[in-house]
Amino acid sequence: MSAILESFDGIDKSAPEPIYQQIKNTIQAKIRDGDWPAGQKLPSENDLVEALGVSRMTIHRSLRELTHAGLINRVHGIGSFVADAPRHASLIELKDIAVEIEQNGKQHRSQILSLHSEPASPVVSAQMQIVAGESVYYLNAVHYQDEIPIQLESRYVSSSLVPDFLFQDFSQFTSTSYLLKQFQPDEMEHIVRAVMPTDYERQMLLMEISEPCLQLSRRTWKNHQVVTYATMTYPSSRYDLGARYAI
């Protein structure tokens, strides 16, 4: 990290250019020239404040503007990193996030927060097209790319159509990979929203307070019955959503 801090030796407090802009320019140049590759961890705000002898507000503004420009990712409680190309979720295909991540040379890990049976609420029953109070399975999990959380999965599954779902070890494989082995959907619905995260979502995804989320809601049918209703929440700086169609 000391070698990285040496990159800021050119900061000149007497120059007419604002200090925060000099810091931004230094980081941008290192990223542009390939000196700092994707995933490179930047010095902490405390380290930069101490090394440069400037205010925390100055450092915070530089990093905030670089984050908004998509050049760095700030992971709450961990630090700032040179941004990788955003992971890309398809809107027209069911893809296993673990496979997507590993195909890009990264490591996937899942943390299972909850897996249980519960009575369907009025909202869930409407989405699942079942009677309110009917038993459904619920999975809540965080998916990590190289130990950085990029997706929060909230999934309801029909207990009658996929009876063994509750008894799987989803830390070893994803719910998507398991469900695709059980059935091939004949109908899907996708709804994408830009939302501000709840406190819980922000905590699970290690997000800054001001960062919005992309939220993908997906329902899949088999033989005119809803098999699963899932909501995937992504930090907007770490993921994008898109589709490609033949016309």
Protein backbone atom coordinates (compact mmCIF):
# COMPACT_ATOMS: atom_id res chain seq x y z
CA MET A 1 0.00 0.00 0.00
CA SER A 2 2.97 2.35 0.61
CA ALA A 3 3.87 2.10 -3.09
CA ILE A 4 0.37 3.23 -4.00
CA LEU A 5 0.55 6.17 -1.59
CA GLU A 6 3.77 7.25 -3.33
CA SER A 7 1.65 7.85 -6.45
CA PHE A 8 0.25 10.94 -4.72
CA ASP A 9 3.63 12.64 -4.24
CA GLY A 10 2.74 15.04 -7.05
CA ILE A 11 -0.10 16.68 -5.12
CA ASP A 12 0.71 20.40 -4.90
CA LYS A 13 -1.26 22.37 -2.30
CA SER A 14 -0.09 25.68 -3.77
CA ALA A 15 -1.33 24.89 -7.30
CA PRO A 16 -4.47 26.69 -8.56
CA GLU A 17 -6.13 23.35 -9.31
CA PRO A 18 -8.21 22.15 -6.33
CA ILE A 19 -6.59 19.39 -4.29
CA TYR A 20 -9.57 17.07 -4.66
CA GLN A 21 -9.25 17.37 -8.45
CA GLN A 22 -5.51 16.61 -8.30
CA ILE A 23 -6.27 13.46 -6.32
CA LYS A 24 -8.95 12.49 -8.84
CA ASN A 25 -6.58 13.09 -11.75
CA THR A 26 -3.88 10.96 -10.15
CA ILE A 27 -6.23 8.03 -9.64
CA GLN A 28 -7.75 8.39 -13.12
CA ALA A 29 -4.29 8.39 -14.72
CA LYS A 30 -3.21 5.26 -12.84
CA ILE A 31 -6.37 3.44 -13.94
CA ARG A 32 -6.20 4.71 -17.53
CA ASP A 33 -2.52 3.74 -17.91
CA GLY A 34 -3.15 0.27 -16.50
CA ASP A 35 -0.91 0.78 -13.47
CA TRP A 36 -3.85 -0.01 -11.21
CA PRO A 37 -5.83 -3.00 -12.54
CA ALA A 38 -9.45 -3.83 -11.81
CA GLY A 39 -9.79 -4.97 -8.22
CA GLN A 40 -6.80 -2.95 -6.99
CA LYS A 41 -7.54 -1.73 -3.50
CA LEU A 42 -6.99 1.99 -2.91
CA PRO A 43 -5.61 3.47 0.30
CA SER A 44 -8.24 4.13 2.94
CA GLU A 45 -9.56 7.62 3.59
CA ASN A 46 -7.60 7.65 6.86
CA ASP A 47 -4.38 6.70 5.08
CA LEU A 48 -4.87 9.38 2.43
CA VAL A 49 -5.72 12.04 5.02
CA GLU A 50 -2.57 11.21 6.98
CA ALA A 51 -0.28 10.84 3.94
CA LEU A 52 -1.45 14.00 2.14
CA GLY A 53 -2.23 16.18 5.12
CA VAL A 54 -5.60 17.21 3.73
CA SER A 55 -9.11 17.11 5.15
CA ARG A 56 -11.31 14.04 5.12
CA MET A 57 -13.90 16.08 3.22
CA THR A 58 -11.41 16.59 0.37
CA ILE A 59 -10.60 12.88 0.15
CA HIS A 60 -14.26 11.93 0.43
CA ARG A 61 -15.22 14.24 -2.44
CA SER A 62 -12.52 12.79 -4.72
CA LEU A 63 -13.58 9.19 -4.06
CA ARG A 64 -17.29 10.03 -4.27
CA GLU A 65 -16.92 11.63 -7.69
CA LEU A 66 -14.77 8.74 -8.96
CA THR A 67 -17.46 6.34 -7.74
CA HIS A 68 -20.19 8.26 -9.57
CA ALA A 69 -18.01 8.17 -12.69
CA GLY A 70 -17.86 4.36 -12.45
CA LEU A 71 -14.07 4.23 -12.01
CA ILE A 72 -14.02 2.85 -8.48
CA ASN A 73 -16.31 0.82 -6.26
CA ARG A 74 -16.69 1.68 -2.60
CA VAL A 75 -17.65 -1.32 -0.48
CA HIS A 76 -18.88 -0.22 2.92
CA GLY A 77 -16.64 -1.51 5.70
CA ILE A 78 -14.06 -2.95 3.29
CA GLY A 79 -12.67 -0.12 1.18
CA SER A 80 -12.42 1.35 -2.31
CA PHE A 81 -11.38 -0.69 -5.35
CA VAL A 82 -10.67 0.01 -9.01
CA ALA A 83 -13.94 -0.91 -10.72
CA ASP A 84 -14.20 -4.03 -12.82
CA ALA A 85 -16.53 -4.11 -15.80
CA PRO A 86 -20.03 -4.45 -14.28
CA ARG A 87 -21.43 -7.98 -14.12
CA HIS A 88 -24.24 -8.32 -16.64
CA ALA A 89 -27.54 -10.06 -15.98
CA SER A 90 -29.67 -11.19 -18.89
CA LEU A 91 -33.34 -10.30 -18.99
CA ILE A 92 -34.26 -13.02 -21.48
CA GLU A 93 -32.32 -16.03 -20.20
CA LEU A 94 -32.15 -17.89 -16.93
CA LYS A 95 -28.45 -17.95 -16.10
CA ASP A 96 -26.66 -19.30 -13.06
CA ILE A 97 -24.82 -16.39 -11.45
CA ALA A 98 -22.08 -18.75 -10.25
CA VAL A 99 -21.36 -19.82 -13.82
CA GLU A 100 -21.35 -16.21 -15.06
CA ILE A 101 -18.86 -15.19 -12.39
CA GLU A 102 -16.56 -18.17 -12.85
CA GLN A 103 -16.56 -17.81 -16.64
CA ASN A 104 -15.07 -14.37 -16.08
CA GLY A 105 -12.23 -15.79 -14.00
CA LYS A 106 -13.72 -14.74 -10.68
CA GLN A 107 -14.69 -16.73 -7.60
CA HIS A 108 -18.31 -17.18 -6.56
CA ARG A 109 -19.57 -17.80 -3.07
CA SER A 110 -23.08 -17.88 -1.58
CA GLN A 111 -24.10 -17.03 1.96
CA ILE A 112 -27.47 -18.49 2.93
CA LEU A 113 -29.28 -16.09 5.25
CA SER A 114 -32.57 -17.97 5.48
CA LEU A 115 -34.16 -21.14 4.08
CA HIS A 116 -37.52 -22.15 5.51
CA SER A 117 -41.20 -22.82 4.90
CA GLU A 118 -43.77 -20.09 5.61
CA PRO A 119 -47.42 -19.25 4.85
CA ALA A 120 -47.80 -17.11 1.75
CA SER A 121 -48.61 -13.49 2.53
CA PRO A 122 -51.30 -11.72 0.46
CA VAL A 123 -48.56 -10.16 -1.72
CA VAL A 124 -46.73 -13.45 -2.25
CA SER A 125 -49.93 -15.39 -2.85
CA ALA A 126 -50.94 -12.89 -5.55
CA GLN A 127 -47.55 -13.23 -7.24
CA MET A 128 -47.54 -17.03 -6.93
CA GLN A 129 -51.22 -17.27 -7.92
CA ILE A 130 -52.08 -19.39 -4.89
CA VAL A 131 -54.36 -19.06 -1.85
CA ALA A 132 -53.09 -16.76 0.91
CA GLY A 133 -51.69 -18.82 3.76
CA GLU A 134 -50.65 -21.73 1.56
CA SER A 135 -47.18 -23.04 2.45
CA VAL A 136 -44.29 -21.82 0.28
CA TYR A 137 -40.52 -22.19 0.57
CA TYR A 138 -38.40 -19.08 1.05
CA LEU A 139 -34.70 -18.58 0.33
CA ASN A 140 -32.68 -15.47 1.15
CA ALA A 141 -29.03 -15.47 0.05
CA VAL A 142 -26.14 -13.17 -0.82
CA HIS A 143 -23.94 -13.94 -3.82
CA TYR A 144 -20.32 -12.79 -3.78
CA GLN A 145 -17.79 -12.19 -6.55
CA ASP A 146 -14.25 -12.38 -5.14
CA GLU A 147 -15.72 -11.76 -1.66
CA ILE A 148 -17.58 -8.61 -2.75
CA PRO A 149 -21.40 -8.95 -2.55
CA ILE A 150 -23.10 -8.30 -5.89
CA GLN A 151 -26.56 -9.85 -5.54
CA LEU A 152 -29.14 -10.30 -2.80
CA GLU A 153 -31.57 -13.08 -3.71
CA SER A 154 -35.05 -13.26 -2.21
CA ARG A 155 -36.93 -16.27 -3.62
CA TYR A 156 -40.27 -17.98 -3.06
CA VAL A 157 -40.76 -21.48 -4.43
CA SER A 158 -43.87 -23.62 -4.74
CA SER A 159 -43.64 -26.34 -2.10
CA SER A 160 -45.98 -28.59 -4.09
CA LEU A 161 -44.12 -28.25 -7.42
CA VAL A 162 -40.57 -28.44 -6.02
CA PRO A 163 -41.03 -30.41 -2.78
CA ASP A 164 -37.32 -31.08 -2.13
CA PHE A 165 -36.19 -27.45 -2.47
CA LEU A 166 -36.11 -26.93 1.30
CA PHE A 167 -33.63 -29.77 1.83
CA GLN A 168 -30.86 -28.59 -0.49
CA ASP A 169 -27.46 -27.16 0.47
CA PHE A 170 -27.45 -23.93 -1.49
CA SER A 171 -24.02 -23.00 -0.21
CA GLN A 172 -22.71 -25.69 -2.59
CA PHE A 173 -24.77 -24.72 -5.66
CA THR A 174 -27.22 -21.97 -6.51
CA SER A 175 -30.99 -22.15 -6.43
CA THR A 176 -31.04 -21.33 -10.15
CA SER A 177 -28.85 -24.31 -11.06
CA TYR A 178 -31.00 -26.60 -8.90
CA LEU A 179 -34.31 -25.36 -10.28
CA LEU A 180 -33.14 -25.65 -13.90
CA LYS A 181 -32.41 -29.31 -13.25
CA GLN A 182 -35.95 -29.81 -11.93
CA PHE A 183 -37.88 -28.12 -14.73
CA GLN A 184 -37.56 -25.97 -17.86
CA PRO A 185 -39.94 -23.00 -17.62
CA ASP A 186 -42.37 -22.40 -20.45
CA GLU A 187 -43.11 -18.80 -19.45
CA MET A 188 -41.14 -16.04 -17.68
CA GLU A 189 -41.86 -12.51 -16.52
CA HIS A 190 -39.19 -9.90 -15.73
CA ILE A 191 -39.71 -6.50 -14.12
CA VAL A 192 -36.75 -4.17 -13.55
CA ARG A 193 -36.80 -1.21 -11.16
CA ALA A 194 -34.31 1.36 -9.93
CA VAL A 195 -34.80 1.62 -6.17
CA MET A 196 -33.09 2.91 -3.08
CA PRO A 197 -32.12 -0.05 -0.89
CA THR A 198 -33.65 -0.77 2.47
CA ASP A 199 -31.37 -0.69 5.50
CA TYR A 200 -31.25 -4.49 5.38
CA GLU A 201 -30.34 -4.59 1.67
CA ARG A 202 -27.68 -1.94 2.17
CA GLN A 203 -26.20 -3.90 5.06
CA MET A 204 -26.14 -7.21 3.19
CA LEU A 205 -24.63 -5.66 0.03
CA LEU A 206 -22.16 -3.41 1.89
CA MET A 207 -23.39 -0.29 0.11
CA GLU A 208 -22.92 3.41 0.68
CA ILE A 209 -26.03 5.25 1.89
CA SER A 210 -26.45 7.25 -1.32
CA GLU A 211 -26.07 4.37 -3.81
CA PRO A 212 -29.21 3.10 -5.60
CA CYS A 213 -29.99 -0.49 -6.52
CA LEU A 214 -31.18 -2.30 -9.59
CA GLN A 215 -33.93 -4.74 -8.72
CA LEU A 216 -35.05 -7.58 -10.97
CA SER A 217 -38.31 -9.36 -10.13
CA ARG A 218 -38.79 -12.65 -11.96
CA ARG A 219 -41.63 -15.17 -12.11
CA THR A 220 -41.41 -18.50 -13.92
CA TRP A 221 -44.26 -20.79 -14.93
CA LYS A 222 -44.52 -24.46 -15.83
CA ASN A 223 -47.80 -25.82 -17.16
CA HIS A 224 -49.56 -22.56 -16.26
CA GLN A 225 -48.43 -22.71 -12.63
CA VAL A 226 -45.99 -20.30 -11.00
CA VAL A 227 -43.01 -22.33 -9.80
CA THR A 228 -40.91 -19.54 -8.35
CA TYR A 229 -41.10 -15.81 -7.66
CA ALA A 230 -37.74 -14.15 -7.04
CA THR A 231 -36.40 -10.66 -6.46
CA MET A 232 -32.71 -10.05 -7.19
CA THR A 233 -31.20 -6.83 -5.82
CA TYR A 234 -27.90 -5.52 -7.20
CA PRO A 235 -25.72 -2.53 -6.24
CA SER A 236 -25.99 -0.29 -9.29
CA SER A 237 -22.22 0.23 -9.46
CA ARG A 238 -21.45 -3.49 -9.60
CA TYR A 239 -24.04 -4.85 -12.02
CA ASP A 240 -26.05 -4.01 -15.10
CA LEU A 241 -29.14 -5.57 -16.65
CA GLY A 242 -29.77 -5.98 -20.33
CA ALA A 243 -31.26 -8.00 -23.14
CA ARG A 244 -30.57 -8.81 -26.78
CA TYR A 245 -33.29 -9.85 -29.21
CA ALA A 246 -33.37 -11.24 -32.73
CA ILE A 247 -35.77 -9.29 -34.98
